[in-house]
Amino acid sequence: ASSTGAETSSVNVWTFSASGGPSVDGSNLDFAASTSPWTACSRTNTVPAPSIGVSIVYRYRFTTPLGSLFGMLGGANSGLDITDKAVMARNPTQ
C-alpha cells in the first residue's frame, strides 16, 4: 500500500458471509476470503520492510428512533458509515 493507504498491487479481499469464514476458537468467522492472490509462500523479509494497508468500511444501521433524529438534522436516517485505514510495516527489522 502507498503511504495514503491506496492499493499498489494484488490484495487479499474478505467479504461478509454469515458463519462462512474460517473457524477461530470453535466459531466460524462472518467473513470469508473472496480473493487471495498474495500467498504466504511468496512473502519475503527485505530492508526496508514492505508495507501492508488495511481498510475497513462498516455501515451501522439504526435500529432505534435515533436514526430519525439524524434525518431531521440533515444526515442519513438509515445508518452511519464508519471508515478507517492504516498502513503498517510488515516484518520490521529491529
Protein backbone atom coordinates (compact mmCIF):
# COMPACT_ATOMS: atom_id res chain seq x y z
CA ALA A 1 0.00 0.00 0.00
CA SER A 2 1.04 3.57 -0.54
CA SER A 3 1.54 5.99 2.36
CA THR A 4 -2.11 7.08 1.93
CA GLY A 5 -3.45 3.52 2.12
CA ALA A 6 -4.15 3.12 -1.60
CA GLU A 7 -3.67 -0.33 -3.12
CA THR A 8 -0.42 -0.71 -5.06
CA SER A 9 -0.50 -4.38 -6.02
CA SER A 10 -2.59 -7.51 -5.63
CA VAL A 11 -4.62 -7.67 -2.42
CA ASN A 12 -6.47 -10.29 -0.41
CA VAL A 13 -10.18 -9.41 -0.14
CA TRP A 14 -12.51 -10.72 2.56
CA THR A 15 -16.29 -10.27 2.22
CA PHE A 16 -19.22 -10.80 4.59
CA SER A 17 -20.54 -14.35 4.69
CA ALA A 18 -22.53 -15.22 7.83
CA SER A 19 -20.58 -18.02 9.56
CA GLY A 20 -18.93 -18.77 6.20
CA GLY A 21 -15.35 -17.98 7.13
CA PRO A 22 -12.61 -20.00 8.79
CA SER A 23 -13.06 -21.35 12.31
CA VAL A 24 -11.42 -19.38 15.14
CA ASP A 25 -11.71 -20.73 18.70
CA GLY A 26 -14.51 -23.06 17.60
CA SER A 27 -16.66 -20.43 15.86
CA ASN A 28 -16.73 -19.61 12.17
CA LEU A 29 -15.92 -16.00 11.25
CA ASP A 30 -18.57 -13.97 9.43
CA PHE A 31 -16.04 -13.08 6.72
CA ALA A 32 -14.59 -15.35 4.04
CA ALA A 33 -11.68 -14.81 1.67
CA SER A 34 -13.04 -13.98 -1.78
CA THR A 35 -9.60 -13.44 -3.35
CA SER A 36 -6.15 -14.42 -2.03
CA PRO A 37 -3.57 -13.57 -4.71
CA TRP A 38 -0.88 -12.68 -2.14
CA THR A 39 0.04 -16.04 -0.66
CA ALA A 40 2.19 -16.55 2.43
CA CYS A 41 4.83 -18.51 0.48
CA SER A 42 5.51 -15.54 -1.83
CA ARG A 43 6.37 -13.12 1.00
CA THR A 44 9.95 -12.11 1.79
CA ASN A 45 11.65 -10.16 4.57
CA THR A 46 13.51 -7.30 2.91
CA VAL A 47 15.04 -4.00 4.01
CA PRO A 48 13.28 -1.63 4.05
CA ALA A 49 10.28 -3.65 5.14
CA PRO A 50 7.35 -3.56 2.70
CA SER A 51 4.11 -2.05 3.95
CA ILE A 52 0.67 -3.52 4.36
CA GLY A 53 -2.52 -1.47 4.28
CA VAL A 54 -5.83 -2.32 5.90
CA SER A 55 -9.05 -0.52 5.02
CA ILE A 56 -12.31 -1.07 6.89
CA VAL A 57 -15.74 0.17 5.79
CA TYR A 58 -18.57 -0.50 8.24
CA ARG A 59 -22.21 0.52 7.86
CA TYR A 60 -24.12 0.80 11.13
CA ARG A 61 -27.87 0.50 10.55
CA PHE A 62 -30.01 2.30 13.11
CA THR A 63 -32.50 0.11 14.96
CA THR A 64 -33.88 2.81 17.27
CA PRO A 65 -35.64 6.14 16.65
CA LEU A 66 -32.20 7.79 16.84
CA GLY A 67 -31.99 7.41 13.05
CA SER A 68 -34.99 9.71 12.59
CA LEU A 69 -33.21 12.38 14.65
CA PHE A 70 -30.21 12.24 12.30
CA GLY A 71 -32.60 12.56 9.34
CA MET A 72 -34.09 15.76 10.79
CA LEU A 73 -30.58 17.20 11.22
CA GLY A 74 -29.80 16.63 7.54
CA GLY A 75 -28.00 13.31 7.84
CA ALA A 76 -28.86 9.91 6.51
CA ASN A 77 -31.56 8.31 8.64
CA SER A 78 -30.89 4.70 7.62
CA GLY A 79 -27.41 4.31 9.03
CA LEU A 80 -23.95 5.63 9.65
CA ASP A 81 -20.89 4.81 7.55
CA ILE A 82 -17.68 4.34 9.52
CA THR A 83 -14.38 4.04 7.63
CA ASP A 84 -10.78 3.72 8.73
CA LYS A 85 -7.46 2.68 7.24
CA ALA A 86 -3.95 2.02 8.44
CA VAL A 87 -0.60 1.34 6.79
CA MET A 88 1.99 -0.69 8.71
CA ALA A 89 5.41 -2.18 8.04
CA ARG A 90 5.46 -5.95 7.56
CA ASN A 91 8.23 -7.87 9.29
CA PRO A 92 10.00 -4.71 10.51
CA THR A 93 13.65 -5.21 11.38
CA GLN A 94 14.94 -4.12 14.78
